[in-house]
């Protein structure tokens, strides 16, 4: 198994980040051997998806707190 480049890792991370679960699944179905998917692309796509979920949860929590404080004051 060969190592993929940093730019390819970033690309797969962006697929997960901007595409979320659907982006990872689409890349999974369209991935071909030799394009880096089996050499670590899966891992970085899932990292991007997980990062998106964490950022989304933080935005929901902080937005909910801001709305609640706005309601109180």
PDB file of N, CA and C in Angstrom:
ATOM      1  N   UNK A   1       0.839  -1.175   0.000  1.00  0.00           N
ATOM      2  CA  UNK A   1       0.000   0.000   0.000  1.00  0.00           C
ATOM      3  C   UNK A   1       0.888   1.243   0.000  1.00  0.00           C
ATOM      4  N   UNK A   2       0.668   2.133  -0.928  1.00  0.00           N
ATOM      5  CA  UNK A   2       1.498   3.337  -1.012  1.00  0.00           C
ATOM      6  C   UNK A   2       0.810   4.510  -0.318  1.00  0.00           C
ATOM      7  N   UNK A   3       1.587   5.481  -0.007  1.00  0.00           N
ATOM      8  CA  UNK A   3       1.098   6.671   0.698  1.00  0.00           C
ATOM      9  C   UNK A   3       0.558   7.678  -0.315  1.00  0.00           C
ATOM     10  N   UNK A   4      -0.570   8.317  -0.006  1.00  0.00           N
ATOM     11  CA  UNK A   4      -1.095   9.352  -0.896  1.00  0.00           C
ATOM     12  C   UNK A   4      -0.510  10.701  -0.490  1.00  0.00           C
ATOM     13  N   UNK A   5      -0.531  11.643  -1.409  1.00  0.00           N
ATOM     14  CA  UNK A   5       0.077  12.950  -1.159  1.00  0.00           C
ATOM     15  C   UNK A   5      -0.777  13.777  -0.205  1.00  0.00           C
ATOM     16  N   UNK A   6      -0.192  14.815   0.308  1.00  0.00           N
ATOM     17  CA  UNK A   6      -0.901  15.706   1.219  1.00  0.00           C
ATOM     18  C   UNK A   6      -2.057  16.412   0.553  1.00  0.00           C
ATOM     19  N   UNK A   7      -1.903  16.746  -0.726  1.00  0.00           N
ATOM     20  CA  UNK A   7      -2.978  17.411  -1.454  1.00  0.00           C
ATOM     21  C   UNK A   7      -4.160  16.470  -1.652  1.00  0.00           C
ATOM     22  N   UNK A   8      -3.874  15.198  -1.904  1.00  0.00           N
ATOM     23  CA  UNK A   8      -4.954  14.215  -2.042  1.00  0.00           C
ATOM     24  C   UNK A   8      -5.670  14.022  -0.703  1.00  0.00           C
ATOM     25  N   UNK A   9      -4.913  14.013   0.390  1.00  0.00           N
ATOM     26  CA  UNK A   9      -5.531  13.909   1.717  1.00  0.00           C
ATOM     27  C   UNK A   9      -6.441  15.098   1.978  1.00  0.00           C
ATOM     28  N   UNK A  10      -5.964  16.289   1.620  1.00  0.00           N
ATOM     29  CA  UNK A  10      -6.770  17.490   1.783  1.00  0.00           C
ATOM     30  C   UNK A  10      -8.030  17.419   0.918  1.00  0.00           C
ATOM     31  N   UNK A  11      -7.890  16.912  -0.280  1.00  0.00           N
ATOM     32  CA  UNK A  11      -9.036  16.778  -1.172  1.00  0.00           C
ATOM     33  C   UNK A  11     -10.085  15.839  -0.612  1.00  0.00           C
ATOM     34  N   UNK A  12      -9.660  14.704  -0.108  1.00  0.00           N
ATOM     35  CA  UNK A  12     -10.612  13.773   0.497  1.00  0.00           C
ATOM     36  C   UNK A  12     -11.223  14.354   1.770  1.00  0.00           C
ATOM     37  N   UNK A  13     -10.445  15.113   2.538  1.00  0.00           N
ATOM     38  CA  UNK A  13     -10.979  15.785   3.722  1.00  0.00           C
ATOM     39  C   UNK A  13     -12.078  16.762   3.315  1.00  0.00           C
ATOM     40  N   UNK A  14     -11.856  17.502   2.225  1.00  0.00           N
ATOM     41  CA  UNK A  14     -12.859  18.459   1.741  1.00  0.00           C
ATOM     42  C   UNK A  14     -14.109  17.752   1.228  1.00  0.00           C
ATOM     43  N   UNK A  15     -13.936  16.589   0.623  1.00  0.00           N
ATOM     44  CA  UNK A  15     -15.100  15.812   0.189  1.00  0.00           C
ATOM     45  C   UNK A  15     -15.969  15.481   1.396  1.00  0.00           C
ATOM     46  N   UNK A  16     -15.352  15.050   2.480  1.00  0.00           N
ATOM     47  CA  UNK A  16     -16.103  14.750   3.694  1.00  0.00           C
ATOM     48  C   UNK A  16     -16.657  15.986   4.365  1.00  0.00           C
ATOM     49  N   UNK A  17     -15.886  17.069   4.339  1.00  0.00           N
ATOM     50  CA  UNK A  17     -16.296  18.295   5.011  1.00  0.00           C
ATOM     51  C   UNK A  17     -17.489  18.950   4.319  1.00  0.00           C
ATOM     52  N   UNK A  18     -17.394  19.121   3.009  1.00  0.00           N
ATOM     53  CA  UNK A  18     -18.452  19.821   2.286  1.00  0.00           C
ATOM     54  C   UNK A  18     -19.570  18.899   1.826  1.00  0.00           C
ATOM     55  N   UNK A  19     -19.270  17.634   1.650  1.00  0.00           N
ATOM     56  CA  UNK A  19     -20.292  16.707   1.197  1.00  0.00           C
ATOM     57  C   UNK A  19     -20.973  15.961   2.325  1.00  0.00           C
ATOM     58  N   UNK A  20     -20.354  15.970   3.494  1.00  0.00           N
ATOM     59  CA  UNK A  20     -20.933  15.250   4.616  1.00  0.00           C
ATOM     60  C   UNK A  20     -21.009  13.755   4.325  1.00  0.00           C
ATOM     61  N   UNK A  21     -22.002  13.125   4.873  1.00  0.00           N
ATOM     62  CA  UNK A  21     -22.172  11.691   4.694  1.00  0.00           C
ATOM     63  C   UNK A  21     -22.426  11.341   3.231  1.00  0.00           C
ATOM     64  N   UNK A  22     -23.188  12.181   2.535  1.00  0.00           N
ATOM     65  CA  UNK A  22     -23.477  11.916   1.127  1.00  0.00           C
ATOM     66  C   UNK A  22     -22.218  12.027   0.274  1.00  0.00           C
ATOM     67  N   UNK A  23     -21.344  12.965   0.600  1.00  0.00           N
ATOM     68  CA  UNK A  23     -20.088  13.097  -0.122  1.00  0.00           C
ATOM     69  C   UNK A  23     -19.183  11.896   0.072  1.00  0.00           C
ATOM     70  N   UNK A  24     -19.120  11.402   1.297  1.00  0.00           N
ATOM     71  CA  UNK A  24     -18.292  10.227   1.577  1.00  0.00           C
ATOM     72  C   UNK A  24     -18.860   9.008   0.858  1.00  0.00           C
ATOM     73  N   UNK A  25     -20.170   8.846   0.914  1.00  0.00           N
ATOM     74  CA  UNK A  25     -20.785   7.700   0.237  1.00  0.00           C
ATOM     75  C   UNK A  25     -20.617   7.780  -1.278  1.00  0.00           C
ATOM     76  N   UNK A  26     -20.764   8.980  -1.846  1.00  0.00           N
ATOM     77  CA  UNK A  26     -20.574   9.138  -3.291  1.00  0.00           C
ATOM     78  C   UNK A  26     -19.128   8.833  -3.673  1.00  0.00           C
ATOM     79  N   UNK A  27     -18.186   9.324  -2.903  1.00  0.00           N
ATOM     80  CA  UNK A  27     -16.775   9.049  -3.191  1.00  0.00           C
ATOM     81  C   UNK A  27     -16.468   7.564  -3.012  1.00  0.00           C
ATOM     82  N   UNK A  28     -17.137   6.918  -2.068  1.00  0.00           N
ATOM     83  CA  UNK A  28     -16.937   5.491  -1.831  1.00  0.00           C
ATOM     84  C   UNK A  28     -17.397   4.691  -3.046  1.00  0.00           C
ATOM     85  N   UNK A  29     -18.563   5.041  -3.580  1.00  0.00           N
ATOM     86  CA  UNK A  29     -19.092   4.311  -4.723  1.00  0.00           C
ATOM     87  C   UNK A  29     -18.323   4.603  -6.013  1.00  0.00           C
ATOM     88  N   UNK A  30     -17.817   5.838  -6.128  1.00  0.00           N
ATOM     89  CA  UNK A  30     -17.107   6.208  -7.355  1.00  0.00           C
ATOM     90  C   UNK A  30     -15.604   5.984  -7.262  1.00  0.00           C
ATOM     91  N   UNK A  31     -15.089   5.658  -6.070  1.00  0.00           N
ATOM     92  CA  UNK A  31     -13.654   5.483  -5.883  1.00  0.00           C
ATOM     93  C   UNK A  31     -13.110   4.308  -6.681  1.00  0.00           C
ATOM     94  N   UNK A  32     -11.984   4.536  -7.291  1.00  0.00           N
ATOM     95  CA  UNK A  32     -11.314   3.487  -8.052  1.00  0.00           C
ATOM     96  C   UNK A  32      -9.941   3.250  -7.446  1.00  0.00           C
ATOM     97  N   UNK A  33      -9.458   2.050  -7.577  1.00  0.00           N
ATOM     98  CA  UNK A  33      -8.120   1.778  -7.066  1.00  0.00           C
ATOM     99  C   UNK A  33      -7.111   2.584  -7.878  1.00  0.00           C
ATOM    100  N   UNK A  34      -6.125   3.093  -7.204  1.00  0.00           N
ATOM    101  CA  UNK A  34      -5.129   3.936  -7.854  1.00  0.00           C
ATOM    102  C   UNK A  34      -5.410   5.416  -7.687  1.00  0.00           C
ATOM    103  N   UNK A  35      -6.603   5.776  -7.202  1.00  0.00           N
ATOM    104  CA  UNK A  35      -6.941   7.176  -6.972  1.00  0.00           C
ATOM    105  C   UNK A  35      -6.740   7.573  -5.524  1.00  0.00           C
ATOM    106  N   UNK A  36      -6.224   6.662  -4.707  1.00  0.00           N
ATOM    107  CA  UNK A  36      -5.927   6.982  -3.326  1.00  0.00           C
ATOM    108  C   UNK A  36      -7.028   6.640  -2.351  1.00  0.00           C
ATOM    109  N   UNK A  37      -8.159   6.140  -2.846  1.00  0.00           N
ATOM    110  CA  UNK A  37      -9.265   5.861  -1.942  1.00  0.00           C
ATOM    111  C   UNK A  37      -8.910   4.756  -0.959  1.00  0.00           C
ATOM    112  N   UNK A  38      -8.271   3.713  -1.437  1.00  0.00           N
ATOM    113  CA  UNK A  38      -7.923   2.609  -0.546  1.00  0.00           C
ATOM    114  C   UNK A  38      -6.608   2.856   0.187  1.00  0.00           C
ATOM    115  N   UNK A  39      -5.851   3.877  -0.192  1.00  0.00           N
ATOM    116  CA  UNK A  39      -4.572   4.169   0.455  1.00  0.00           C
ATOM    117  C   UNK A  39      -4.689   5.221   1.550  1.00  0.00           C
ATOM    118  N   UNK A  40      -5.858   5.493   2.048  1.00  0.00           N
ATOM    119  CA  UNK A  40      -6.018   6.468   3.114  1.00  0.00           C
ATOM    120  C   UNK A  40      -7.054   7.518   2.815  1.00  0.00           C
ATOM    121  N   UNK A  41      -7.587   7.512   1.611  1.00  0.00           N
ATOM    122  CA  UNK A  41      -8.607   8.490   1.265  1.00  0.00           C
ATOM    123  C   UNK A  41      -9.873   8.324   2.086  1.00  0.00           C
ATOM    124  N   UNK A  42     -10.229   7.088   2.378  1.00  0.00           N
ATOM    125  CA  UNK A  42     -11.418   6.819   3.200  1.00  0.00           C
ATOM    126  C   UNK A  42     -11.289   7.482   4.558  1.00  0.00           C
ATOM    127  N   UNK A  43     -10.126   7.311   5.164  1.00  0.00           N
ATOM    128  CA  UNK A  43      -9.890   7.843   6.502  1.00  0.00           C
ATOM    129  C   UNK A  43     -10.044   9.362   6.525  1.00  0.00           C
ATOM    130  N   UNK A  44      -9.446  10.048   5.566  1.00  0.00           N
ATOM    131  CA  UNK A  44      -9.510  11.506   5.567  1.00  0.00           C
ATOM    132  C   UNK A  44     -10.891  12.023   5.180  1.00  0.00           C
ATOM    133  N   UNK A  45     -11.614  11.292   4.353  1.00  0.00           N
ATOM    134  CA  UNK A  45     -12.989  11.683   4.048  1.00  0.00           C
ATOM    135  C   UNK A  45     -13.861  11.554   5.287  1.00  0.00           C
ATOM    136  N   UNK A  46     -13.675  10.488   6.048  1.00  0.00           N
ATOM    137  CA  UNK A  46     -14.438  10.332   7.288  1.00  0.00           C
ATOM    138  C   UNK A  46     -14.025  11.371   8.319  1.00  0.00           C
ATOM    139  N   UNK A  47     -12.733  11.752   8.361  1.00  0.00           N
ATOM    140  CA  UNK A  47     -12.296  12.834   9.260  1.00  0.00           C
ATOM    141  C   UNK A  47     -13.015  14.136   8.905  1.00  0.00           C
ATOM    142  N   UNK A  48     -13.115  14.426   7.617  1.00  0.00           N
ATOM    143  CA  UNK A  48     -13.814  15.635   7.183  1.00  0.00           C
ATOM    144  C   UNK A  48     -15.279  15.611   7.574  1.00  0.00           C
ATOM    145  N   UNK A  49     -15.911  14.470   7.419  1.00  0.00           N
ATOM    146  CA  UNK A  49     -17.318  14.329   7.788  1.00  0.00           C
ATOM    147  C   UNK A  49     -17.488  14.491   9.299  1.00  0.00           C
ATOM    148  N   UNK A  50     -16.598  13.897  10.072  1.00  0.00           N
ATOM    149  CA  UNK A  50     -16.663  14.023  11.526  1.00  0.00           C
ATOM    150  C   UNK A  50     -16.430  15.470  11.958  1.00  0.00           C
ATOM    151  N   UNK A  51     -15.493  16.149  11.316  1.00  0.00           N
ATOM    152  CA  UNK A  51     -15.232  17.555  11.623  1.00  0.00           C
ATOM    153  C   UNK A  51     -16.474  18.390  11.343  1.00  0.00           C
ATOM    154  N   UNK A  52     -17.166  18.101  10.226  1.00  0.00           N
ATOM    155  CA  UNK A  52     -18.396  18.809   9.870  1.00  0.00           C
ATOM    156  C   UNK A  52     -19.461  18.591  10.940  1.00  0.00           C
ATOM    157  N   UNK A  53     -19.597  17.362  11.428  1.00  0.00           N
ATOM    158  CA  UNK A  53     -20.587  17.076  12.458  1.00  0.00           C
ATOM    159  C   UNK A  53     -20.273  17.802  13.768  1.00  0.00           C
ATOM    160  N   UNK A  54     -18.995  17.867  14.127  1.00  0.00           N
ATOM    161  CA  UNK A  54     -18.601  18.557  15.354  1.00  0.00           C
ATOM    162  C   UNK A  54     -18.876  20.057  15.236  1.00  0.00           C
ATOM    163  N   UNK A  55     -18.516  20.650  14.097  1.00  0.00           N
ATOM    164  CA  UNK A  55     -18.765  22.078  13.890  1.00  0.00           C
ATOM    165  C   UNK A  55     -20.265  22.361  13.895  1.00  0.00           C
ATOM    166  N   UNK A  56     -21.061  21.484  13.267  1.00  0.00           N
ATOM    167  CA  UNK A  56     -22.504  21.647  13.238  1.00  0.00           C
ATOM    168  C   UNK A  56     -23.081  21.592  14.653  1.00  0.00           C
ATOM    169  N   UNK A  57     -22.619  20.644  15.467  1.00  0.00           N
ATOM    170  CA  UNK A  57     -23.116  20.526  16.843  1.00  0.00           C
ATOM    171  C   UNK A  57     -22.763  21.763  17.655  1.00  0.00           C
ATOM    172  N   UNK A  58     -21.550  22.281  17.475  1.00  0.00           N
ATOM    173  CA  UNK A  58     -21.147  23.497  18.200  1.00  0.00           C
ATOM    174  C   UNK A  58     -22.020  24.676  17.775  1.00  0.00           C
ATOM    175  N   UNK A  59     -22.303  24.779  16.480  1.00  0.00           N
ATOM    176  CA  UNK A  59     -23.146  25.873  16.003  1.00  0.00           C
ATOM    177  C   UNK A  59     -24.567  25.757  16.554  1.00  0.00           C
ATOM    178  N   UNK A  60     -25.095  24.549  16.625  1.00  0.00           N
ATOM    179  CA  UNK A  60     -26.444  24.360  17.161  1.00  0.00           C
ATOM    180  C   UNK A  60     -26.487  24.726  18.639  1.00  0.00           C
ATOM    181  N   UNK A  61     -25.500  24.263  19.388  1.00  0.00           N
ATOM    182  CA  UNK A  61     -25.485  24.543  20.827  1.00  0.00           C
ATOM    183  C   UNK A  61     -25.306  26.034  21.088  1.00  0.00           C
ATOM    184  N   UNK A  62     -24.339  26.660  20.440  1.00  0.00           N
ATOM    185  CA  UNK A  62     -24.099  28.086  20.692  1.00  0.00           C
ATOM    186  C   UNK A  62     -25.232  28.943  20.150  1.00  0.00           C
ATOM    187  N   UNK A  63     -25.800  28.547  19.023  1.00  0.00           N
ATOM    188  CA  UNK A  63     -26.947  29.290  18.492  1.00  0.00           C
ATOM    189  C   UNK A  63     -28.153  29.156  19.392  1.00  0.00           C
ATOM    190  N   UNK A  64     -28.333  27.969  19.973  1.00  0.00           N
ATOM    191  CA  UNK A  64     -29.429  27.775  20.911  1.00  0.00           C
ATOM    192  C   UNK A  64     -29.247  28.595  22.166  1.00  0.00           C
ATOM    193  N   UNK A  65     -28.018  28.680  22.644  1.00  0.00           N
ATOM    194  CA  UNK A  65     -27.739  29.492  23.834  1.00  0.00           C
ATOM    195  C   UNK A  65     -27.979  30.963  23.525  1.00  0.00           C
ATOM    196  N   UNK A  66     -27.528  31.419  22.361  1.00  0.00           N
ATOM    197  CA  UNK A  66     -27.719  32.823  21.992  1.00  0.00           C
ATOM    198  C   UNK A  66     -29.203  33.152  21.854  1.00  0.00           C
ATOM    199  N   UNK A  67     -29.972  32.249  21.263  1.00  0.00           N
ATOM    200  CA  UNK A  67     -31.407  32.481  21.126  1.00  0.00           C
ATOM    201  C   UNK A  67     -32.091  32.501  22.492  1.00  0.00           C
ATOM    202  N   UNK A  68     -31.670  31.615  23.377  1.00  0.00           N
ATOM    203  CA  UNK A  68     -32.246  31.578  24.724  1.00  0.00           C
ATOM    204  C   UNK A  68     -31.933  32.855  25.502  1.00  0.00           C
ATOM    205  N   UNK A  69     -30.675  33.314  25.398  1.00  0.00           N
ATOM    206  CA  UNK A  69     -30.309  34.562  26.083  1.00  0.00           C
ATOM    207  C   UNK A  69     -31.046  35.751  25.483  1.00  0.00           C
ATOM    208  N   UNK A  70     -31.224  35.741  24.162  1.00  0.00           N
ATOM    209  CA  UNK A  70     -32.000  36.807  23.540  1.00  0.00           C
ATOM    210  C   UNK A  70     -33.450  36.794  23.983  1.00  0.00           C
ATOM    211  N   UNK A  71     -33.986  35.622  24.227  1.00  0.00           N
ATOM    212  CA  UNK A  71     -35.361  35.497  24.709  1.00  0.00           C
ATOM    213  C   UNK A  71     -35.489  36.019  26.144  1.00  0.00           C
ATOM    214  N   UNK A  72     -34.459  35.753  26.970  1.00  0.00           N
ATOM    215  CA  UNK A  72     -34.512  36.188  28.365  1.00  0.00           C
ATOM    216  C   UNK A  72     -34.346  37.688  28.526  1.00  0.00           C
ATOM    217  N   UNK A  73     -33.467  38.278  27.722  1.00  0.00           N
ATOM    218  CA  UNK A  73     -33.170  39.697  27.897  1.00  0.00           C
ATOM    219  C   UNK A  73     -33.786  40.450  26.775  1.00  0.00           C
TER     220      UNK A  73
END
